[in-house]
Amino acid sequence: MIAVMDYGAGNLRSVMSALRNVGADATIVESPRDITHARAMILPGVGAAADTMENLRSRGLADAVIEWIKADRPFMGICMGLQVLFTQSDEGGGQDCLGVLPGRVRKLPSTLKVPHMGWNQVHYKFESPLFRGIPDGSNFYFVHSFVAQPDDPTTILAETDYAGRFCSAVQKGNLVATQFHPEKSGALGLQVYRNFLEYTQA
């Protein structure tokens, strides 16, 4: 079973639909006790970092996510689910996040159209099972105003160019996360979920 963490994120239903499309046994999880029998965890997300962290903490899910990742169990973050993995976000004047990856989340430059919304290419930094069967430079769908800046460059799985390169996917051990939304990215996005599903069954 894949536990999809519910802390009020707006894209929960579309993520569940995509997972069911690829045959995943996925369950929406609202409390730490519900992850007992899970083999993998997905943290979806849209919205603001402060609201995300407040909701994760109030439901007891923040510590559950941290402990899951520390145990190096299969984990996937999506959009805000990537950003809150880092130490701190500049959003809303500054917000402490989960801190499982060292680094900071910063706003895209004001010289750009913000949010960055629409299709853009994803360029791999190294090979990963997450992108198996997906050509380098493939287009995925983005909606975001902030980008992660990892302290450890070896965790950057992919980059995307939006008037300069930014981190669009990370990987460390059994943790993967994407800034783009696979559930909004058509057939290739479904392949990302299918790859994650196969990875959890290996």
C-alpha atoms as a PDB file:
ATOM      1  CA  MET A   1       0.000   0.000   0.000  1.00  0.00           C
ATOM      2  CA  ILE A   2       1.152   3.517  -0.854  1.00  0.00           C
ATOM      3  CA  ALA A   3       0.220   6.089   1.772  1.00  0.00           C
ATOM      4  CA  VAL A   4      -0.779   9.439   0.266  1.00  0.00           C
ATOM      5  CA  MET A   5      -0.514  12.010   3.023  1.00  0.00           C
ATOM      6  CA  ASP A   6      -3.597  14.199   3.464  1.00  0.00           C
ATOM      7  CA  TYR A   7      -2.917  17.531   5.153  1.00  0.00           C
ATOM      8  CA  GLY A   8      -5.441  19.508   3.087  1.00  0.00           C
ATOM      9  CA  ALA A   9      -3.449  19.786  -0.153  1.00  0.00           C
ATOM     10  CA  GLY A  10      -5.560  20.756  -3.141  1.00  0.00           C
ATOM     11  CA  ASN A  11      -4.095  18.237  -5.586  1.00  0.00           C
ATOM     12  CA  LEU A  12      -4.818  15.139  -3.524  1.00  0.00           C
ATOM     13  CA  ARG A  13      -7.658  13.882  -5.728  1.00  0.00           C
ATOM     14  CA  SER A  14      -5.709  14.240  -8.982  1.00  0.00           C
ATOM     15  CA  VAL A  15      -2.720  12.425  -7.458  1.00  0.00           C
ATOM     16  CA  MET A  16      -4.961   9.569  -6.326  1.00  0.00           C
ATOM     17  CA  SER A  17      -6.546   9.390  -9.787  1.00  0.00           C
ATOM     18  CA  ALA A  18      -3.129   9.135 -11.437  1.00  0.00           C
ATOM     19  CA  LEU A  19      -1.990   6.436  -9.009  1.00  0.00           C
ATOM     20  CA  ARG A  20      -5.092   4.366  -9.632  1.00  0.00           C
ATOM     21  CA  ASN A  21      -4.565   4.812 -13.365  1.00  0.00           C
ATOM     22  CA  VAL A  22      -1.213   3.007 -13.079  1.00  0.00           C
ATOM     23  CA  GLY A  23      -2.647   0.270 -10.852  1.00  0.00           C
ATOM     24  CA  ALA A  24      -1.289   1.442  -7.510  1.00  0.00           C
ATOM     25  CA  ASP A  25      -2.819   0.308  -4.235  1.00  0.00           C
ATOM     26  CA  ALA A  26      -2.960   3.823  -2.762  1.00  0.00           C
ATOM     27  CA  THR A  27      -4.738   5.031   0.360  1.00  0.00           C
ATOM     28  CA  ILE A  28      -5.282   8.538   1.687  1.00  0.00           C
ATOM     29  CA  VAL A  29      -3.701   8.842   5.122  1.00  0.00           C
ATOM     30  CA  GLU A  30      -4.747  11.450   7.698  1.00  0.00           C
ATOM     31  CA  SER A  31      -2.881  10.275  10.809  1.00  0.00           C
ATOM     32  CA  PRO A  32       0.431   8.541  11.626  1.00  0.00           C
ATOM     33  CA  ARG A  33      -1.300   5.339  12.759  1.00  0.00           C
ATOM     34  CA  ASP A  34      -2.606   4.817   9.223  1.00  0.00           C
ATOM     35  CA  ILE A  35       0.856   4.299   7.724  1.00  0.00           C
ATOM     36  CA  THR A  36       1.607   1.116   9.666  1.00  0.00           C
ATOM     37  CA  HIS A  37       1.141  -1.198   6.689  1.00  0.00           C
ATOM     38  CA  ALA A  38       2.407   1.167   3.982  1.00  0.00           C
ATOM     39  CA  ARG A  39       5.431   0.279   1.865  1.00  0.00           C
ATOM     40  CA  ALA A  40       5.797   3.756   0.353  1.00  0.00           C
ATOM     41  CA  MET A  41       4.730   7.328   1.077  1.00  0.00           C
ATOM     42  CA  ILE A  42       3.745  10.213  -1.204  1.00  0.00           C
ATOM     43  CA  LEU A  43       3.571  13.810   0.015  1.00  0.00           C
ATOM     44  CA  PRO A  44       1.648  15.846  -2.574  1.00  0.00           C
ATOM     45  CA  GLY A  45       1.240  19.569  -2.303  1.00  0.00           C
ATOM     46  CA  VAL A  46       0.114  22.931  -3.529  1.00  0.00           C
ATOM     47  CA  GLY A  47      -0.244  26.196  -1.628  1.00  0.00           C
ATOM     48  CA  ALA A  48       1.917  27.979   0.937  1.00  0.00           C
ATOM     49  CA  ALA A  49       4.754  26.573   3.030  1.00  0.00           C
ATOM     50  CA  ALA A  50       3.424  27.987   6.318  1.00  0.00           C
ATOM     51  CA  ASP A  51      -0.029  26.443   5.845  1.00  0.00           C
ATOM     52  CA  THR A  52       1.515  23.153   4.752  1.00  0.00           C
ATOM     53  CA  MET A  53       3.760  22.929   7.821  1.00  0.00           C
ATOM     54  CA  GLU A  54       0.980  24.000  10.196  1.00  0.00           C
ATOM     55  CA  ASN A  55      -1.336  21.323   8.826  1.00  0.00           C
ATOM     56  CA  LEU A  56       1.346  18.628   8.877  1.00  0.00           C
ATOM     57  CA  ARG A  57       2.200  19.438  12.483  1.00  0.00           C
ATOM     58  CA  SER A  58      -1.393  19.727  13.678  1.00  0.00           C
ATOM     59  CA  ARG A  59      -2.172  16.258  12.302  1.00  0.00           C
ATOM     60  CA  GLY A  60       1.011  14.723  13.683  1.00  0.00           C
ATOM     61  CA  LEU A  61       2.205  14.002  10.163  1.00  0.00           C
ATOM     62  CA  ALA A  62       5.371  16.124  10.203  1.00  0.00           C
ATOM     63  CA  ASP A  63       7.223  13.798  12.576  1.00  0.00           C
ATOM     64  CA  ALA A  64       5.838  10.761  10.753  1.00  0.00           C
ATOM     65  CA  VAL A  65       7.268  12.002   7.443  1.00  0.00           C
ATOM     66  CA  ILE A  66      10.632  12.822   9.015  1.00  0.00           C
ATOM     67  CA  GLU A  67      10.944   9.401  10.664  1.00  0.00           C
ATOM     68  CA  TRP A  68       9.867   7.644   7.455  1.00  0.00           C
ATOM     69  CA  ILE A  69      12.573   9.407   5.452  1.00  0.00           C
ATOM     70  CA  LYS A  70      15.215   8.866   8.134  1.00  0.00           C
ATOM     71  CA  ALA A  71      14.475   5.146   7.897  1.00  0.00           C
ATOM     72  CA  ASP A  72      15.212   5.404   4.132  1.00  0.00           C
ATOM     73  CA  ARG A  73      11.843   4.010   3.150  1.00  0.00           C
ATOM     74  CA  PRO A  74      10.463   4.798  -0.347  1.00  0.00           C
ATOM     75  CA  PHE A  75       9.178   8.368  -0.411  1.00  0.00           C
ATOM     76  CA  MET A  76       8.005  10.743  -3.120  1.00  0.00           C
ATOM     77  CA  GLY A  77       7.310  14.465  -2.737  1.00  0.00           C
ATOM     78  CA  ILE A  78       5.453  16.594  -5.285  1.00  0.00           C
ATOM     79  CA  CYS A  79       5.740  20.390  -5.689  1.00  0.00           C
ATOM     80  CA  MET A  80       5.207  21.717  -2.138  1.00  0.00           C
ATOM     81  CA  GLY A  81       5.984  18.163  -1.068  1.00  0.00           C
ATOM     82  CA  LEU A  82       9.493  18.803  -2.401  1.00  0.00           C
ATOM     83  CA  GLN A  83       9.909  22.282  -0.956  1.00  0.00           C
ATOM     84  CA  VAL A  84       9.010  21.403   2.640  1.00  0.00           C
ATOM     85  CA  LEU A  85      11.729  18.746   2.704  1.00  0.00           C
ATOM     86  CA  PHE A  86      14.316  21.506   3.041  1.00  0.00           C
ATOM     87  CA  THR A  87      15.482  23.420   6.077  1.00  0.00           C
ATOM     88  CA  GLN A  88      13.637  26.655   5.500  1.00  0.00           C
ATOM     89  CA  SER A  89      11.477  28.482   2.972  1.00  0.00           C
ATOM     90  CA  ASP A  90      11.555  32.238   2.367  1.00  0.00           C
ATOM     91  CA  GLU A  91       7.825  32.164   1.659  1.00  0.00           C
ATOM     92  CA  GLY A  92       5.700  34.338   3.923  1.00  0.00           C
ATOM     93  CA  GLY A  93       8.693  36.017   5.512  1.00  0.00           C
ATOM     94  CA  GLY A  94      10.385  32.744   6.460  1.00  0.00           C
ATOM     95  CA  GLN A  95       9.158  29.311   7.458  1.00  0.00           C
ATOM     96  CA  ASP A  96      10.984  26.424   9.129  1.00  0.00           C
ATOM     97  CA  CYS A  97      10.300  23.226   7.191  1.00  0.00           C
ATOM     98  CA  LEU A  98      10.947  19.510   7.742  1.00  0.00           C
ATOM     99  CA  GLY A  99      14.711  19.826   7.440  1.00  0.00           C
ATOM    100  CA  VAL A 100      15.395  16.363   6.025  1.00  0.00           C
ATOM    101  CA  LEU A 101      17.407  17.929   3.197  1.00  0.00           C
ATOM    102  CA  PRO A 102      19.749  20.846   3.952  1.00  0.00           C
ATOM    103  CA  GLY A 103      18.981  23.890   1.858  1.00  0.00           C
ATOM    104  CA  ARG A 104      16.653  26.824   1.384  1.00  0.00           C
ATOM    105  CA  VAL A 105      13.596  27.532  -0.765  1.00  0.00           C
ATOM    106  CA  ARG A 106      13.699  30.949  -2.432  1.00  0.00           C
ATOM    107  CA  LYS A 107      11.294  32.937  -4.571  1.00  0.00           C
ATOM    108  CA  LEU A 108      11.819  33.071  -8.307  1.00  0.00           C
ATOM    109  CA  PRO A 109      13.308  36.424  -9.423  1.00  0.00           C
ATOM    110  CA  SER A 110      10.827  39.274  -9.864  1.00  0.00           C
ATOM    111  CA  THR A 111      12.190  39.776 -13.380  1.00  0.00           C
ATOM    112  CA  LEU A 112      10.390  36.576 -14.393  1.00  0.00           C
ATOM    113  CA  LYS A 113       6.705  35.854 -14.817  1.00  0.00           C
ATOM    114  CA  VAL A 114       5.690  34.390 -11.458  1.00  0.00           C
ATOM    115  CA  PRO A 115       4.319  31.855 -10.902  1.00  0.00           C
ATOM    116  CA  HIS A 116       6.207  29.714 -13.365  1.00  0.00           C
ATOM    117  CA  MET A 117       3.233  27.967 -14.918  1.00  0.00           C
ATOM    118  CA  GLY A 118       3.031  25.535 -17.812  1.00  0.00           C
ATOM    119  CA  TRP A 119       5.172  22.981 -19.597  1.00  0.00           C
ATOM    120  CA  ASN A 120       8.950  22.994 -19.390  1.00  0.00           C
ATOM    121  CA  GLN A 121      11.813  20.632 -20.038  1.00  0.00           C
ATOM    122  CA  VAL A 122      13.408  18.530 -17.314  1.00  0.00           C
ATOM    123  CA  HIS A 123      17.102  17.724 -17.733  1.00  0.00           C
ATOM    124  CA  TYR A 124      18.606  14.864 -15.735  1.00  0.00           C
ATOM    125  CA  LYS A 125      21.798  15.220 -13.709  1.00  0.00           C
ATOM    126  CA  PHE A 126      22.142  11.456 -13.259  1.00  0.00           C
ATOM    127  CA  GLU A 127      20.218   8.291 -14.075  1.00  0.00           C
ATOM    128  CA  SER A 128      17.350   7.371 -11.805  1.00  0.00           C
ATOM    129  CA  PRO A 129      14.651   4.679 -11.762  1.00  0.00           C
ATOM    130  CA  LEU A 130      12.131   7.525 -11.404  1.00  0.00           C
ATOM    131  CA  PHE A 131      12.717   8.556 -15.019  1.00  0.00           C
ATOM    132  CA  ARG A 132      13.171   5.105 -16.559  1.00  0.00           C
ATOM    133  CA  GLY A 133      11.831   5.098 -20.129  1.00  0.00           C
ATOM    134  CA  ILE A 134      11.445   8.888 -20.188  1.00  0.00           C
ATOM    135  CA  PRO A 135      13.821  10.780 -22.519  1.00  0.00           C
ATOM    136  CA  ASP A 136      16.033  13.479 -21.075  1.00  0.00           C
ATOM    137  CA  GLY A 137      14.595  16.912 -21.824  1.00  0.00           C
ATOM    138  CA  SER A 138      10.975  15.739 -21.667  1.00  0.00           C
ATOM    139  CA  ASN A 139       8.313  18.286 -20.809  1.00  0.00           C
ATOM    140  CA  PHE A 140       6.414  18.254 -17.529  1.00  0.00           C
ATOM    141  CA  TYR A 141       3.856  20.642 -16.042  1.00  0.00           C
ATOM    142  CA  PHE A 142       4.899  23.236 -13.451  1.00  0.00           C
ATOM    143  CA  VAL A 143       2.979  25.630 -11.193  1.00  0.00           C
ATOM    144  CA  HIS A 144       5.207  27.307  -8.597  1.00  0.00           C
ATOM    145  CA  SER A 145       6.663  30.606  -7.402  1.00  0.00           C
ATOM    146  CA  PHE A 146       9.496  29.255  -5.237  1.00  0.00           C
ATOM    147  CA  VAL A 147      12.429  26.935  -5.980  1.00  0.00           C
ATOM    148  CA  ALA A 148      14.606  24.758  -3.782  1.00  0.00           C
ATOM    149  CA  GLN A 149      18.330  25.408  -3.516  1.00  0.00           C
ATOM    150  CA  PRO A 150      19.917  22.263  -2.017  1.00  0.00           C
ATOM    151  CA  ASP A 151      23.150  22.692  -0.061  1.00  0.00           C
ATOM    152  CA  ASP A 152      24.307  19.329  -1.412  1.00  0.00           C
ATOM    153  CA  PRO A 153      24.424  19.473  -5.230  1.00  0.00           C
ATOM    154  CA  THR A 154      24.657  15.679  -5.447  1.00  0.00           C
ATOM    155  CA  THR A 155      20.992  15.464  -4.396  1.00  0.00           C
ATOM    156  CA  ILE A 156      19.853  17.410  -7.475  1.00  0.00           C
ATOM    157  CA  LEU A 157      18.337  14.780  -9.773  1.00  0.00           C
ATOM    158  CA  ALA A 158      17.134  17.170 -12.479  1.00  0.00           C
ATOM    159  CA  GLU A 159      17.156  20.809 -13.475  1.00  0.00           C
ATOM    160  CA  THR A 160      14.876  23.037 -15.539  1.00  0.00           C
ATOM    161  CA  ASP A 161      15.666  26.320 -17.287  1.00  0.00           C
ATOM    162  CA  TYR A 162      13.487  29.322 -16.475  1.00  0.00           C
ATOM    163  CA  ALA A 163      15.823  32.254 -17.215  1.00  0.00           C
ATOM    164  CA  GLY A 164      18.431  30.179 -15.385  1.00  0.00           C
ATOM    165  CA  ARG A 165      18.640  26.623 -14.134  1.00  0.00           C
ATOM    166  CA  PHE A 166      16.722  25.580 -11.028  1.00  0.00           C
ATOM    167  CA  CYS A 167      16.353  22.280  -9.206  1.00  0.00           C
ATOM    168  CA  SER A 168      13.279  20.476 -10.544  1.00  0.00           C
ATOM    169  CA  ALA A 169      13.823  17.063  -8.901  1.00  0.00           C
ATOM    170  CA  VAL A 170      15.864  15.660  -6.025  1.00  0.00           C
ATOM    171  CA  GLN A 171      16.926  12.193  -4.964  1.00  0.00           C
ATOM    172  CA  LYS A 172      18.706  10.913  -1.883  1.00  0.00           C
ATOM    173  CA  GLY A 173      18.599   7.234  -1.076  1.00  0.00           C
ATOM    174  CA  ASN A 174      14.986   6.116  -1.353  1.00  0.00           C
ATOM    175  CA  LEU A 175      13.717   9.706  -1.338  1.00  0.00           C
ATOM    176  CA  VAL A 176      12.646  11.308  -4.620  1.00  0.00           C
ATOM    177  CA  ALA A 177      10.723  14.525  -5.161  1.00  0.00           C
ATOM    178  CA  THR A 178       9.704  16.645  -8.114  1.00  0.00           C
ATOM    179  CA  GLN A 179       8.917  20.344  -8.418  1.00  0.00           C
ATOM    180  CA  PHE A 180       6.658  19.591 -11.380  1.00  0.00           C
ATOM    181  CA  HIS A 181       3.300  17.848 -11.138  1.00  0.00           C
ATOM    182  CA  PRO A 182       3.372  14.344 -12.671  1.00  0.00           C
ATOM    183  CA  GLU A 183      -0.408  14.076 -12.211  1.00  0.00           C
ATOM    184  CA  LYS A 184      -0.828  17.033 -14.601  1.00  0.00           C
ATOM    185  CA  SER A 185       1.816  15.890 -17.084  1.00  0.00           C
ATOM    186  CA  GLY A 186      -0.036  13.423 -19.287  1.00  0.00           C
ATOM    187  CA  ALA A 187       1.426  10.067 -20.289  1.00  0.00           C
ATOM    188  CA  LEU A 188       4.973  10.883 -19.144  1.00  0.00           C
ATOM    189  CA  GLY A 189       3.692  11.958 -15.758  1.00  0.00           C
ATOM    190  CA  LEU A 190       1.878   8.662 -15.403  1.00  0.00           C
ATOM    191  CA  GLN A 191       5.131   6.926 -16.307  1.00  0.00           C
ATOM    192  CA  VAL A 192       6.832   8.728 -13.401  1.00  0.00           C
ATOM    193  CA  TYR A 193       4.215   7.318 -11.027  1.00  0.00           C
ATOM    194  CA  ARG A 194       4.468   3.899 -12.658  1.00  0.00           C
ATOM    195  CA  ASN A 195       8.244   3.967 -12.180  1.00  0.00           C
ATOM    196  CA  PHE A 196       7.863   4.925  -8.526  1.00  0.00           C
ATOM    197  CA  LEU A 197       5.352   2.117  -8.050  1.00  0.00           C
ATOM    198  CA  GLU A 198       7.713  -0.427  -9.625  1.00  0.00           C
ATOM    199  CA  TYR A 199      10.578   0.897  -7.520  1.00  0.00           C
ATOM    200  CA  THR A 200       8.612   0.341  -4.303  1.00  0.00           C
ATOM    201  CA  GLN A 201       7.897  -3.256  -5.319  1.00  0.00           C
ATOM    202  CA  ALA A 202      11.514  -4.122  -6.085  1.00  0.00           C
END
